[in-house]
Amino acid sequence: MARVVVVGSGIAGLVAALRAAERHEVTVVTKGTIADGSTRYAQGGIAAAVFSDDSVAAHVADTLRAGAGLNDLAAVEALCGDGPRRVRELIALGVAFDRDDRHGRELARGLEAAHSSARVLHAGGDATGAEIERALDAAVRRAGIRVVTGAFLRDVLVSDGATSGVALRFPDGTETVLDADAVILATGGWGQLYAHTTNPAIATGDGVAAAWRAGALLADLEFTQFHPTALRLPSGDGGSRTFLVSEAVRGEGAVLRNARGERFMLDAHQDAELAPRDVVARAIAVEMAAQDGLPVVLDATALGAAFLARRFPTIDAACRAAGIDWSRSPVPVTPAAHYAMGGVATDTHGRTSVPGLFAVGEVACTGAHGANRLASNSLLEGLVFAHRAAGAIDAPWADAPVWTERPTVAAESMPPEASEPDRQFDRARLQEVLWAGAGLHRDRAGLERAARALAAMRLPEPGEDANLLQLGRLVVAAALSREESRGAHFRSDFPLPADAAPHHTVLAPLPVPTEVTVPC
């Protein structure tokens, strides 16, 4: 029986814990409460080929098309092939997905951008993540799995070249070490790198940064997905907060309009509002620039008040709490950082380049998403690869295939850190730097400005801010190295995909941080 520490308590962390607890001693560690991660905010649903008029092959094809040539085929086949069984297991565990008929026998399903079939299951209308989190939380409690809350991951510990545990810090400043034979990182993404994000405040890239310090390879950090439709609402302190308006709203028929009331997506892509997210987000940014920064609007008025309240109760309640009746008036939306396709490089069982260290969910980069994630594949990723990782704990590490094997050093190197940083770290400043230089539209001049600004910031004491600064520098380095536009990474100075075969960007921390590339 191995000692297993799972860091994170969203869908990936809790599924990994439940599966691992069948054979091992498991402790779940989470920075906030058990429900504080990104999972409970997931609105749209979970994609899986569970309907008779759909197929795994079609889901694979859609995922590959969205990924812009950068997907790892084995990872996509694992994601889509395992998906139906894993979703049925969620149902057996008590997840109450919405039903379509009055007898409650048929699962309801939605169509989302870039899917060729309506295969997205949802719960509570637009509260899918919250329902999944509820069911998994209850299952973990029934199983008697130990959960440690309020514990910040300070570091992954490595001894004799293998993972040996984690160092944790608590809000009162006390620290402790948990010894482990295996550590499963399920800490989510890094949305707080950006000034505008749909992610919760705890999404500070802690797992990716800790894995980097432990010597793990990172991959494809330049690929951050910007959700096209984030509603800006008053925060109560004179500022504003970002609230996600699900892709599913456009899937049900809502349309985007500019300040003149025109449906500009009709000219931007053949699939209009249902084009891949990166296409929609950049089209919105272009329209906003043309109208002096004013947001575009999402027009759902044709769907009617009763339908909106029933199908999207979370969004409906948020709009009405802010004094907005979106059944009568279009709502202003802007893009916001939403999901990280890059992360800790893993194989299809979550194994990293450091023996004993696994990564699952958004913290990981399996290659399944390629350069741009297909809508509603994120919950599925956490579910599928968490199950696979927990099942691989007993497997010999020497058998772990690493898709970043034998990387070759590229011409671009990591931007140097300032010899004497002269600027006190400021998180808001970092977020603005990343938004301006490494956001939706990038070019060499903007990325180099961002690199200089980040290099001039003093590294804070170990914690969230230090993780964000480390990751910010790495994201900019990766974006500088990719001299092409592909998926979510758009360079105005290299507006087309490169002629060469697609490659992954891999960052190797030891012995000296260098940027390397390997073929897909």
Protein backbone atom coordinates (compact mmCIF):
# COMPACT_ATOMS: atom_id res chain seq x y z
CA MET A 1 0.00 0.00 0.00
CA ALA A 2 1.48 3.31 -1.14
CA ARG A 3 1.16 6.64 0.62
CA VAL A 4 -0.52 8.97 -1.90
CA VAL A 5 -0.97 12.73 -1.56
CA VAL A 6 -3.45 14.36 -3.95
CA VAL A 7 -3.06 18.15 -4.15
CA GLY A 8 -6.31 19.76 -5.29
CA SER A 9 -9.98 19.02 -4.76
CA GLY A 10 -11.74 19.63 -8.08
CA ILE A 11 -12.93 16.88 -10.38
CA ALA A 12 -9.38 15.69 -11.15
CA GLY A 13 -8.25 15.62 -7.54
CA LEU A 14 -11.32 13.95 -6.07
CA VAL A 15 -11.61 11.34 -8.84
CA ALA A 16 -7.92 10.51 -8.40
CA ALA A 17 -8.40 10.23 -4.64
CA LEU A 18 -11.43 7.95 -4.92
CA ARG A 19 -9.72 5.67 -7.41
CA ALA A 20 -6.40 5.58 -5.53
CA ALA A 21 -8.13 4.91 -2.21
CA GLU A 22 -9.27 1.54 -3.53
CA ARG A 23 -5.70 0.28 -3.00
CA HIS A 24 -3.70 2.95 -1.22
CA GLU A 25 -3.58 5.31 1.76
CA VAL A 26 -4.72 8.67 0.41
CA THR A 27 -4.62 12.22 1.72
CA VAL A 28 -6.25 15.08 -0.20
CA VAL A 29 -4.68 18.50 0.31
CA THR A 30 -6.46 21.67 -0.82
CA LYS A 31 -5.57 25.35 -0.56
CA GLY A 32 -9.05 26.52 0.42
CA THR A 33 -12.09 24.45 1.24
CA ILE A 34 -12.84 21.27 -0.67
CA ALA A 35 -15.16 23.13 -3.09
CA ASP A 36 -13.03 26.21 -3.77
CA GLY A 37 -11.47 25.18 -7.08
CA SER A 38 -12.50 25.84 -10.68
CA THR A 39 -14.71 22.76 -11.08
CA ARG A 40 -17.75 24.22 -9.36
CA TYR A 41 -17.69 27.23 -11.71
CA ALA A 42 -17.92 25.07 -14.85
CA GLN A 43 -21.22 25.97 -16.50
CA GLY A 44 -21.44 24.41 -19.95
CA GLY A 45 -21.10 20.72 -19.19
CA ILE A 46 -19.03 17.67 -19.96
CA ALA A 47 -18.59 16.29 -23.46
CA ALA A 48 -18.78 12.55 -24.14
CA ALA A 49 -19.99 10.32 -26.95
CA VAL A 50 -22.74 8.59 -24.96
CA PHE A 51 -25.60 8.99 -27.45
CA SER A 52 -26.53 6.55 -30.22
CA ASP A 53 -26.16 9.10 -33.02
CA ASP A 54 -22.64 10.05 -31.91
CA SER A 55 -19.32 8.22 -31.86
CA VAL A 56 -15.94 8.29 -30.18
CA ALA A 57 -14.39 8.74 -33.63
CA ALA A 58 -16.44 11.89 -34.21
CA HIS A 59 -15.44 13.29 -30.80
CA VAL A 60 -11.79 12.53 -31.59
CA ALA A 61 -12.11 14.30 -34.95
CA ASP A 62 -13.67 17.40 -33.36
CA THR A 63 -10.97 17.53 -30.69
CA LEU A 64 -8.22 17.24 -33.29
CA ARG A 65 -9.78 19.93 -35.45
CA ALA A 66 -9.98 22.38 -32.52
CA GLY A 67 -6.40 21.59 -31.48
CA ALA A 68 -4.90 23.07 -34.66
CA GLY A 69 -2.49 20.26 -35.45
CA LEU A 70 -0.78 20.11 -32.06
CA ASN A 71 -2.78 17.35 -30.34
CA ASP A 72 -1.12 14.15 -29.22
CA LEU A 73 -3.29 11.47 -30.89
CA ALA A 74 -2.85 8.88 -28.13
CA ALA A 75 -3.99 11.40 -25.53
CA VAL A 76 -7.02 12.42 -27.62
CA GLU A 77 -8.01 8.78 -28.11
CA ALA A 78 -7.67 8.16 -24.38
CA LEU A 79 -9.75 11.24 -23.57
CA CYS A 80 -12.58 10.49 -25.96
CA GLY A 81 -12.41 6.71 -25.75
CA ASP A 82 -12.49 6.49 -21.95
CA GLY A 83 -14.99 9.34 -21.66
CA PRO A 84 -18.32 7.49 -22.03
CA ARG A 85 -17.47 4.89 -19.37
CA ARG A 86 -16.15 7.49 -16.94
CA VAL A 87 -19.27 9.66 -17.38
CA ARG A 88 -21.51 6.66 -16.68
CA GLU A 89 -19.49 6.09 -13.52
CA LEU A 90 -20.21 9.68 -12.48
CA ILE A 91 -23.92 9.00 -12.93
CA ALA A 92 -23.63 5.85 -10.80
CA LEU A 93 -21.82 7.93 -8.18
CA GLY A 94 -24.83 10.23 -7.93
CA VAL A 95 -24.21 13.08 -10.38
CA ALA A 96 -27.69 14.23 -11.43
CA PHE A 97 -27.33 15.26 -15.07
CA ASP A 98 -30.36 16.97 -16.57
CA ARG A 99 -32.98 14.80 -18.27
CA ASP A 100 -34.93 15.65 -21.40
CA ASP A 101 -38.19 13.74 -21.21
CA ARG A 102 -40.93 13.91 -18.59
CA HIS A 103 -40.13 10.37 -17.40
CA GLY A 104 -36.52 11.33 -16.69
CA ARG A 105 -35.06 8.53 -18.76
CA GLU A 106 -33.27 10.46 -21.51
CA LEU A 107 -30.20 12.55 -20.76
CA ALA A 108 -30.44 16.15 -21.93
CA ARG A 109 -27.65 17.31 -24.20
CA GLY A 110 -26.39 20.55 -25.65
CA LEU A 111 -24.43 21.66 -28.70
CA GLU A 112 -21.35 23.80 -28.19
CA ALA A 113 -18.84 25.49 -30.46
CA ALA A 114 -16.80 23.26 -32.81
CA HIS A 115 -18.69 20.08 -31.88
CA SER A 116 -20.24 18.18 -34.79
CA SER A 117 -22.85 16.62 -32.53
CA ALA A 118 -24.87 17.63 -29.48
CA ARG A 119 -22.89 15.62 -26.94
CA VAL A 120 -22.52 17.98 -23.98
CA LEU A 121 -24.24 16.74 -20.81
CA HIS A 122 -25.23 19.36 -18.26
CA ALA A 123 -26.67 19.53 -14.75
CA GLY A 124 -28.79 22.17 -13.10
CA GLY A 125 -29.01 23.91 -16.46
CA ASP A 126 -25.68 25.71 -16.20
CA ALA A 127 -24.41 24.36 -12.87
CA THR A 128 -22.71 21.19 -14.11
CA GLY A 129 -19.45 21.71 -12.26
CA ALA A 130 -21.21 22.46 -8.99
CA GLU A 131 -23.26 19.26 -9.26
CA ILE A 132 -20.19 17.15 -10.06
CA GLU A 133 -18.27 18.72 -7.17
CA ARG A 134 -21.19 18.04 -4.80
CA ALA A 135 -21.37 14.37 -5.75
CA LEU A 136 -17.61 13.83 -5.57
CA ASP A 137 -17.33 15.64 -2.24
CA ALA A 138 -20.05 13.36 -0.82
CA ALA A 139 -18.32 10.27 -2.21
CA VAL A 140 -14.97 11.26 -0.68
CA ARG A 141 -16.64 11.77 2.69
CA ARG A 142 -18.39 8.39 2.46
CA ALA A 143 -15.07 6.74 1.65
CA GLY A 144 -13.47 8.28 4.73
CA ILE A 145 -10.58 9.79 2.77
CA ARG A 146 -8.48 12.22 4.80
CA VAL A 147 -8.83 15.82 3.59
CA VAL A 148 -6.51 18.63 4.72
CA THR A 149 -7.93 22.10 3.97
CA GLY A 150 -6.30 25.52 4.05
CA ALA A 151 -2.93 24.05 3.02
CA PHE A 152 -0.81 25.91 0.47
CA LEU A 153 1.55 23.74 -1.61
CA ARG A 154 4.93 25.28 -0.91
CA ASP A 155 6.94 22.60 -2.71
CA VAL A 156 7.01 19.08 -4.09
CA LEU A 157 9.85 17.29 -2.32
CA VAL A 158 12.32 15.15 -4.24
CA SER A 159 14.81 12.70 -2.73
CA ASP A 160 17.30 10.62 -4.71
CA GLY A 161 15.65 11.66 -7.96
CA ALA A 162 12.11 10.62 -6.98
CA THR A 163 9.15 12.33 -5.37
CA SER A 164 9.15 11.95 -1.58
CA GLY A 165 6.29 14.17 -0.41
CA VAL A 166 5.04 17.74 -0.20
CA ALA A 167 5.81 20.77 1.95
CA LEU A 168 2.69 22.64 3.06
CA ARG A 169 2.07 26.03 4.64
CA PHE A 170 -1.05 27.04 6.56
CA PRO A 171 -2.64 30.50 6.95
CA ASP A 172 -1.15 30.94 10.44
CA GLY A 173 2.33 30.54 8.99
CA THR A 174 2.98 27.05 10.30
CA GLU A 175 4.47 24.52 7.93
CA THR A 176 4.47 20.74 7.72
CA VAL A 177 5.71 17.95 5.50
CA LEU A 178 3.64 15.02 4.27
CA ASP A 179 5.74 12.06 3.19
CA ALA A 180 4.46 10.25 0.13
CA ASP A 181 5.35 7.52 -2.32
CA ALA A 182 3.31 9.26 -4.99
CA VAL A 183 2.07 12.85 -5.37
CA ILE A 184 -0.79 13.66 -7.74
CA LEU A 185 -1.00 17.33 -8.66
CA ALA A 186 -4.53 18.47 -9.49
CA THR A 187 -4.15 22.16 -8.71
CA GLY A 188 -5.75 23.71 -11.80
CA GLY A 189 -4.48 26.53 -13.96
CA TRP A 190 -3.01 30.02 -13.82
CA GLY A 191 -5.85 32.39 -14.73
CA GLN A 192 -4.67 34.92 -12.13
CA LEU A 193 -1.73 35.72 -14.40
CA TYR A 194 -4.11 37.94 -16.34
CA ALA A 195 -6.00 41.14 -15.59
CA HIS A 196 -9.23 39.60 -16.90
CA THR A 197 -10.04 35.98 -16.10
CA THR A 198 -12.99 33.69 -15.46
CA ASN A 199 -10.91 31.71 -12.94
CA PRO A 200 -11.35 31.87 -9.16
CA ALA A 201 -8.84 33.79 -7.06
CA ILE A 202 -6.99 30.61 -6.05
CA ALA A 203 -5.93 29.81 -9.67
CA THR A 204 -2.32 30.93 -9.24
CA GLY A 205 -0.49 28.07 -10.95
CA ASP A 206 0.88 26.62 -7.71
CA GLY A 207 1.18 23.06 -9.01
CA VAL A 208 2.93 24.02 -12.25
CA ALA A 209 5.42 26.21 -10.40
CA ALA A 210 6.09 23.53 -7.76
CA ALA A 211 6.62 20.88 -10.44
CA TRP A 212 9.07 23.20 -12.23
CA ARG A 213 11.07 23.67 -9.03
CA ALA A 214 11.03 19.88 -8.51
CA GLY A 215 12.66 19.41 -11.91
CA ALA A 216 9.67 18.42 -14.04
CA LEU A 217 9.36 19.30 -17.71
CA LEU A 218 6.69 21.82 -18.64
CA ALA A 219 5.05 22.03 -22.05
CA ASP A 220 3.13 24.45 -24.28
CA LEU A 221 2.82 27.28 -21.74
CA GLU A 222 2.15 29.78 -24.53
CA PHE A 223 -1.32 28.31 -25.06
CA THR A 224 -3.85 30.01 -22.80
CA GLN A 225 -7.45 29.90 -23.96
CA PHE A 226 -9.37 33.16 -23.70
CA HIS A 227 -13.09 32.62 -23.29
CA PRO A 228 -14.91 34.92 -25.72
CA THR A 229 -17.85 35.87 -23.53
CA ALA A 230 -17.19 37.11 -20.01
CA LEU A 231 -19.75 39.47 -18.53
CA ARG A 232 -18.36 42.39 -16.54
CA LEU A 233 -20.45 43.03 -13.42
CA PRO A 234 -20.07 45.60 -10.61
CA SER A 235 -18.07 44.15 -7.71
CA GLY A 236 -19.52 46.37 -4.98
CA ASP A 237 -16.22 48.13 -4.26
CA GLY A 238 -16.36 50.48 -7.21
CA GLY A 239 -14.62 48.01 -9.49
CA SER A 240 -15.91 45.13 -11.55
CA ARG A 241 -15.84 41.35 -11.56
CA THR A 242 -15.86 38.90 -14.42
CA PHE A 243 -18.66 36.37 -14.77
CA LEU A 244 -18.52 33.62 -17.35
CA VAL A 245 -21.34 33.40 -19.90
CA SER A 246 -21.19 29.80 -21.06
CA GLU A 247 -20.48 28.67 -24.60
CA ALA A 248 -23.78 26.82 -24.34
CA VAL A 249 -25.70 30.10 -24.56
CA ARG A 250 -24.42 30.55 -28.11
CA GLY A 251 -25.05 26.85 -28.71
CA GLU A 252 -28.73 27.50 -27.93
CA GLY A 253 -28.91 30.34 -30.43
CA ALA A 254 -27.60 33.57 -28.85
CA VAL A 255 -25.61 35.77 -31.23
CA LEU A 256 -22.85 38.37 -30.98
CA ARG A 257 -23.36 41.94 -32.21
CA ASN A 258 -21.11 44.97 -32.48
CA ALA A 259 -22.01 48.54 -31.55
CA ARG A 260 -23.92 48.91 -34.82
CA GLY A 261 -26.03 45.85 -34.04
CA GLU A 262 -24.35 43.74 -36.74
CA ARG A 263 -23.63 40.00 -36.39
CA PHE A 264 -19.92 40.31 -37.14
CA MET A 265 -19.17 36.58 -36.65
CA LEU A 266 -20.95 35.80 -39.92
CA ASP A 267 -17.99 37.38 -41.73
CA ALA A 268 -15.34 36.01 -39.36
CA HIS A 269 -15.92 32.25 -39.72
CA GLN A 270 -18.18 29.80 -41.51
CA ASP A 271 -19.49 28.55 -38.15
CA ALA A 272 -20.22 32.11 -36.97
CA GLU A 273 -20.83 32.17 -33.18
CA LEU A 274 -20.02 28.45 -32.98
CA ALA A 275 -16.48 28.82 -34.33
CA PRO A 276 -13.60 27.65 -32.10
CA ARG A 277 -13.08 29.81 -29.04
CA ASP A 278 -9.81 31.36 -30.18
CA VAL A 279 -11.46 32.52 -33.41
CA VAL A 280 -14.44 34.05 -31.59
CA ALA A 281 -12.29 35.71 -28.93
CA ARG A 282 -9.99 37.36 -31.47
CA ALA A 283 -12.92 38.47 -33.60
CA ILE A 284 -14.43 40.14 -30.55
CA ALA A 285 -11.11 41.84 -29.78
CA VAL A 286 -10.95 43.20 -33.34
CA GLU A 287 -14.50 44.58 -33.07
CA MET A 288 -13.75 46.15 -29.70
CA ALA A 289 -10.66 47.86 -31.10
CA ALA A 290 -12.74 49.21 -33.99
CA GLN A 291 -15.27 50.71 -31.57
CA ASP A 292 -12.79 52.38 -29.20
CA GLY A 293 -12.71 49.54 -26.69
CA LEU A 294 -16.44 49.26 -26.16
CA PRO A 295 -17.50 45.66 -25.50
CA VAL A 296 -19.57 43.76 -28.00
CA VAL A 297 -22.92 42.37 -26.86
CA LEU A 298 -24.35 38.87 -26.59
CA ASP A 299 -27.94 38.88 -27.75
CA ALA A 300 -30.03 36.09 -26.21
CA THR A 301 -33.33 37.96 -26.39
CA ALA A 302 -34.78 35.58 -29.00
CA LEU A 303 -34.56 32.69 -26.53
CA GLY A 304 -37.15 34.14 -24.15
CA ALA A 305 -37.20 34.73 -20.40
CA ALA A 306 -38.65 31.34 -19.41
CA PHE A 307 -36.11 29.35 -21.42
CA LEU A 308 -33.14 31.41 -20.17
CA ALA A 309 -34.21 31.03 -16.55
CA ARG A 310 -34.70 27.27 -16.92
CA ARG A 311 -31.65 26.43 -19.05
CA PHE A 312 -29.19 28.93 -17.55
CA PRO A 313 -30.36 29.61 -13.99
CA THR A 314 -26.89 30.58 -12.71
CA ILE A 315 -26.27 33.14 -15.44
CA ASP A 316 -29.86 34.37 -15.23
CA ALA A 317 -29.59 34.93 -11.47
CA ALA A 318 -26.26 36.76 -11.85
CA CYS A 319 -27.67 39.06 -14.51
CA ARG A 320 -30.81 39.84 -12.54
CA ALA A 321 -28.83 40.44 -9.34
CA ALA A 322 -26.91 43.08 -11.28
CA GLY A 323 -30.14 44.64 -12.56
CA ILE A 324 -29.83 43.18 -16.05
CA ASP A 325 -32.74 41.50 -17.82
CA TRP A 326 -30.91 39.60 -20.54
CA SER A 327 -34.17 38.31 -21.97
CA ARG A 328 -34.94 41.89 -23.05
CA SER A 329 -31.55 43.48 -23.63
CA PRO A 330 -28.25 42.16 -25.04
CA VAL A 331 -25.47 42.01 -22.44
CA PRO A 332 -21.91 43.41 -22.86
CA VAL A 333 -19.20 40.75 -23.03
CA THR A 334 -15.43 40.72 -23.42
CA PRO A 335 -12.81 37.95 -23.66
CA ALA A 336 -11.06 36.75 -20.49
CA ALA A 337 -8.32 34.22 -19.68
CA HIS A 338 -10.11 30.95 -19.12
CA TYR A 339 -8.07 27.77 -19.48
CA ALA A 340 -4.43 26.69 -19.76
CA MET A 341 -3.70 24.09 -22.44
CA GLY A 342 -0.08 23.94 -21.32
CA GLY A 343 1.25 22.73 -18.00
CA VAL A 344 3.30 19.92 -16.51
CA ALA A 345 4.23 17.53 -19.32
CA THR A 346 2.73 14.07 -18.79
CA ASP A 347 1.99 10.85 -20.61
CA THR A 348 -1.52 9.41 -20.96
CA HIS A 349 -1.41 8.15 -17.37
CA GLY A 350 -0.49 11.48 -15.80
CA ARG A 351 3.15 10.52 -15.24
CA THR A 352 5.60 13.42 -15.34
CA SER A 353 9.34 13.37 -15.97
CA VAL A 354 9.93 13.12 -12.19
CA PRO A 355 9.36 9.57 -10.83
CA GLY A 356 6.46 9.44 -8.39
CA LEU A 357 5.00 12.77 -9.52
CA PHE A 358 1.70 12.77 -11.43
CA ALA A 359 -0.26 15.70 -12.82
CA VAL A 360 -3.91 15.59 -13.90
CA GLY A 361 -6.49 18.11 -15.07
CA GLU A 362 -5.65 21.66 -16.03
CA VAL A 363 -2.27 21.59 -14.27
CA ALA A 364 -1.12 18.96 -16.77
CA CYS A 365 -0.26 19.01 -20.45
CA THR A 366 -1.07 15.62 -21.94
CA GLY A 367 -1.24 17.00 -25.47
CA ALA A 368 -4.94 16.11 -25.65
CA HIS A 369 -6.04 19.71 -26.21
CA GLY A 370 -3.30 20.67 -28.64
CA ALA A 371 -3.19 24.40 -29.30
CA ASN A 372 -6.83 25.06 -28.42
CA ARG A 373 -9.21 23.13 -26.16
CA LEU A 374 -12.55 21.96 -27.52
CA ALA A 375 -15.47 23.27 -25.46
CA SER A 376 -16.51 21.06 -22.51
CA ASN A 377 -13.48 18.78 -22.80
CA SER A 378 -11.98 20.20 -19.60
CA LEU A 379 -14.14 18.37 -17.06
CA LEU A 380 -13.71 15.26 -19.17
CA GLU A 381 -9.93 15.64 -19.09
CA GLY A 382 -9.88 15.84 -15.30
CA LEU A 383 -12.16 12.82 -15.03
CA VAL A 384 -10.38 10.55 -17.53
CA PHE A 385 -6.75 11.24 -16.72
CA ALA A 386 -7.28 11.27 -12.94
CA HIS A 387 -8.68 7.76 -13.22
CA ARG A 388 -5.73 6.72 -15.38
CA ALA A 389 -3.13 8.25 -13.07
CA ALA A 390 -4.54 6.60 -9.95
CA GLY A 391 -4.48 3.27 -11.75
CA ALA A 392 -0.80 3.71 -12.64
CA ILE A 393 0.55 4.30 -9.13
CA ASP A 394 1.81 0.71 -8.86
CA ALA A 395 3.28 0.60 -12.37
CA PRO A 396 7.09 0.66 -12.68
CA TRP A 397 8.16 4.19 -13.52
CA ALA A 398 10.72 2.96 -16.01
CA ASP A 399 7.80 1.89 -18.18
CA ALA A 400 6.38 5.40 -18.33
CA PRO A 401 6.53 6.74 -21.90
CA VAL A 402 7.37 10.45 -21.87
CA TRP A 403 6.32 12.25 -25.06
CA THR A 404 8.96 14.92 -24.43
CA GLU A 405 11.78 12.36 -24.61
CA ARG A 406 15.07 13.55 -26.10
CA PRO A 407 14.22 17.21 -26.62
CA THR A 408 16.56 19.29 -28.75
CA VAL A 409 17.65 22.76 -27.65
CA ALA A 410 16.08 25.51 -29.75
CA ALA A 411 17.71 28.75 -30.80
CA GLU A 412 15.61 30.82 -28.40
CA SER A 413 16.73 30.77 -24.80
CA MET A 414 14.98 31.92 -21.67
CA PRO A 415 14.96 35.74 -21.35
CA PRO A 416 17.56 36.61 -18.72
CA GLU A 417 16.48 37.77 -15.28
CA ALA A 418 17.59 41.26 -14.34
CA SER A 419 20.83 41.15 -12.35
CA GLU A 420 19.38 43.59 -9.84
CA PRO A 421 15.58 43.74 -10.05
CA ASP A 422 14.56 47.26 -9.06
CA ARG A 423 10.79 47.05 -8.97
CA GLN A 424 8.80 45.75 -6.03
CA PHE A 425 6.47 42.96 -7.08
CA ASP A 426 2.89 44.08 -7.67
CA ARG A 427 0.33 41.48 -8.73
CA ALA A 428 -1.94 43.95 -10.50
CA ARG A 429 1.04 45.23 -12.47
CA LEU A 430 2.03 41.67 -13.43
CA GLN A 431 -1.51 40.95 -14.61
CA GLU A 432 -1.60 44.06 -16.77
CA VAL A 433 1.83 43.23 -18.23
CA LEU A 434 0.70 39.72 -19.20
CA TRP A 435 -2.64 40.96 -20.56
CA ALA A 436 -0.95 43.59 -22.72
CA GLY A 437 2.05 41.57 -23.88
CA ALA A 438 0.98 37.94 -23.80
CA GLY A 439 -2.79 38.16 -24.18
CA LEU A 440 -5.02 37.64 -27.19
CA HIS A 441 -2.72 39.43 -29.67
CA ARG A 442 1.04 39.09 -29.37
CA ASP A 443 4.15 40.19 -31.23
CA ARG A 444 7.87 40.20 -30.53
CA ALA A 445 8.00 43.82 -29.36
CA GLY A 446 5.15 43.34 -26.88
CA LEU A 447 6.53 40.05 -25.58
CA GLU A 448 10.00 41.52 -25.13
CA ARG A 449 8.51 44.48 -23.21
CA ALA A 450 6.70 41.99 -21.01
CA ALA A 451 9.89 39.97 -20.49
CA ARG A 452 11.81 43.08 -19.41
CA ALA A 453 9.04 44.21 -17.08
CA LEU A 454 8.84 40.80 -15.40
CA ALA A 455 12.62 40.47 -15.16
CA ALA A 456 12.72 43.81 -13.32
CA MET A 457 10.29 42.60 -10.63
CA ARG A 458 11.79 41.26 -7.41
CA LEU A 459 10.85 37.67 -6.70
CA PRO A 460 8.56 37.68 -3.63
CA GLU A 461 8.80 35.28 -0.72
CA PRO A 462 7.59 31.75 -1.59
CA GLY A 463 3.85 31.83 -2.14
CA GLU A 464 1.22 32.63 -4.75
CA ASP A 465 2.89 35.80 -5.97
CA ALA A 466 6.24 34.07 -6.43
CA ASN A 467 4.52 31.32 -8.40
CA LEU A 468 2.77 33.83 -10.63
CA LEU A 469 6.00 35.70 -11.37
CA GLN A 470 7.85 32.48 -12.15
CA LEU A 471 5.07 31.34 -14.45
CA GLY A 472 4.68 34.74 -16.08
CA ARG A 473 8.32 34.67 -17.13
CA LEU A 474 7.96 31.13 -18.47
CA VAL A 475 4.78 31.92 -20.41
CA VAL A 476 6.46 34.89 -22.09
CA ALA A 477 9.55 32.81 -22.92
CA ALA A 478 7.40 30.11 -24.51
CA ALA A 479 5.38 32.67 -26.48
CA LEU A 480 8.56 34.33 -27.75
CA SER A 481 9.93 31.01 -28.93
CA ARG A 482 6.86 30.11 -31.02
CA GLU A 483 7.25 32.22 -34.15
CA GLU A 484 3.92 31.32 -35.72
CA SER A 485 0.22 31.63 -35.00
CA ARG A 486 -1.50 28.43 -33.97
CA GLY A 487 -4.71 27.88 -32.03
CA ALA A 488 -4.89 30.13 -28.98
CA HIS A 489 -1.41 31.58 -29.64
CA PHE A 490 -1.65 34.47 -32.12
CA ARG A 491 1.40 36.46 -33.22
CA SER A 492 0.59 39.45 -35.42
CA ASP A 493 4.21 39.40 -36.65
CA PHE A 494 3.82 35.71 -37.61
CA PRO A 495 0.09 35.56 -38.45
CA LEU A 496 0.11 32.10 -40.08
CA PRO A 497 1.10 28.61 -38.91
CA ALA A 498 4.70 27.76 -39.68
CA ASP A 499 5.48 25.59 -42.70
CA ALA A 500 7.51 23.20 -40.56
CA ALA A 501 5.86 20.26 -38.79
CA PRO A 502 3.98 21.31 -35.62
CA HIS A 503 6.06 21.03 -32.47
CA HIS A 504 5.55 21.23 -28.73
CA THR A 505 7.36 23.85 -26.69
CA VAL A 506 9.06 22.14 -23.76
CA LEU A 507 10.74 23.91 -20.87
CA ALA A 508 13.39 21.96 -18.98
CA PRO A 509 14.40 23.40 -15.57
CA LEU A 510 17.62 21.46 -14.99
CA PRO A 511 20.52 21.91 -15.06
CA VAL A 512 19.87 25.38 -16.48
CA PRO A 513 16.39 26.57 -17.53
CA THR A 514 16.28 26.29 -21.31
CA GLU A 515 13.56 26.27 -23.92
CA VAL A 516 13.50 23.26 -26.17
CA THR A 517 11.20 21.94 -28.87
CA VAL A 518 10.22 18.42 -29.88
CA PRO A 519 8.11 17.23 -32.79
CA CYS A 520 4.49 16.27 -32.18
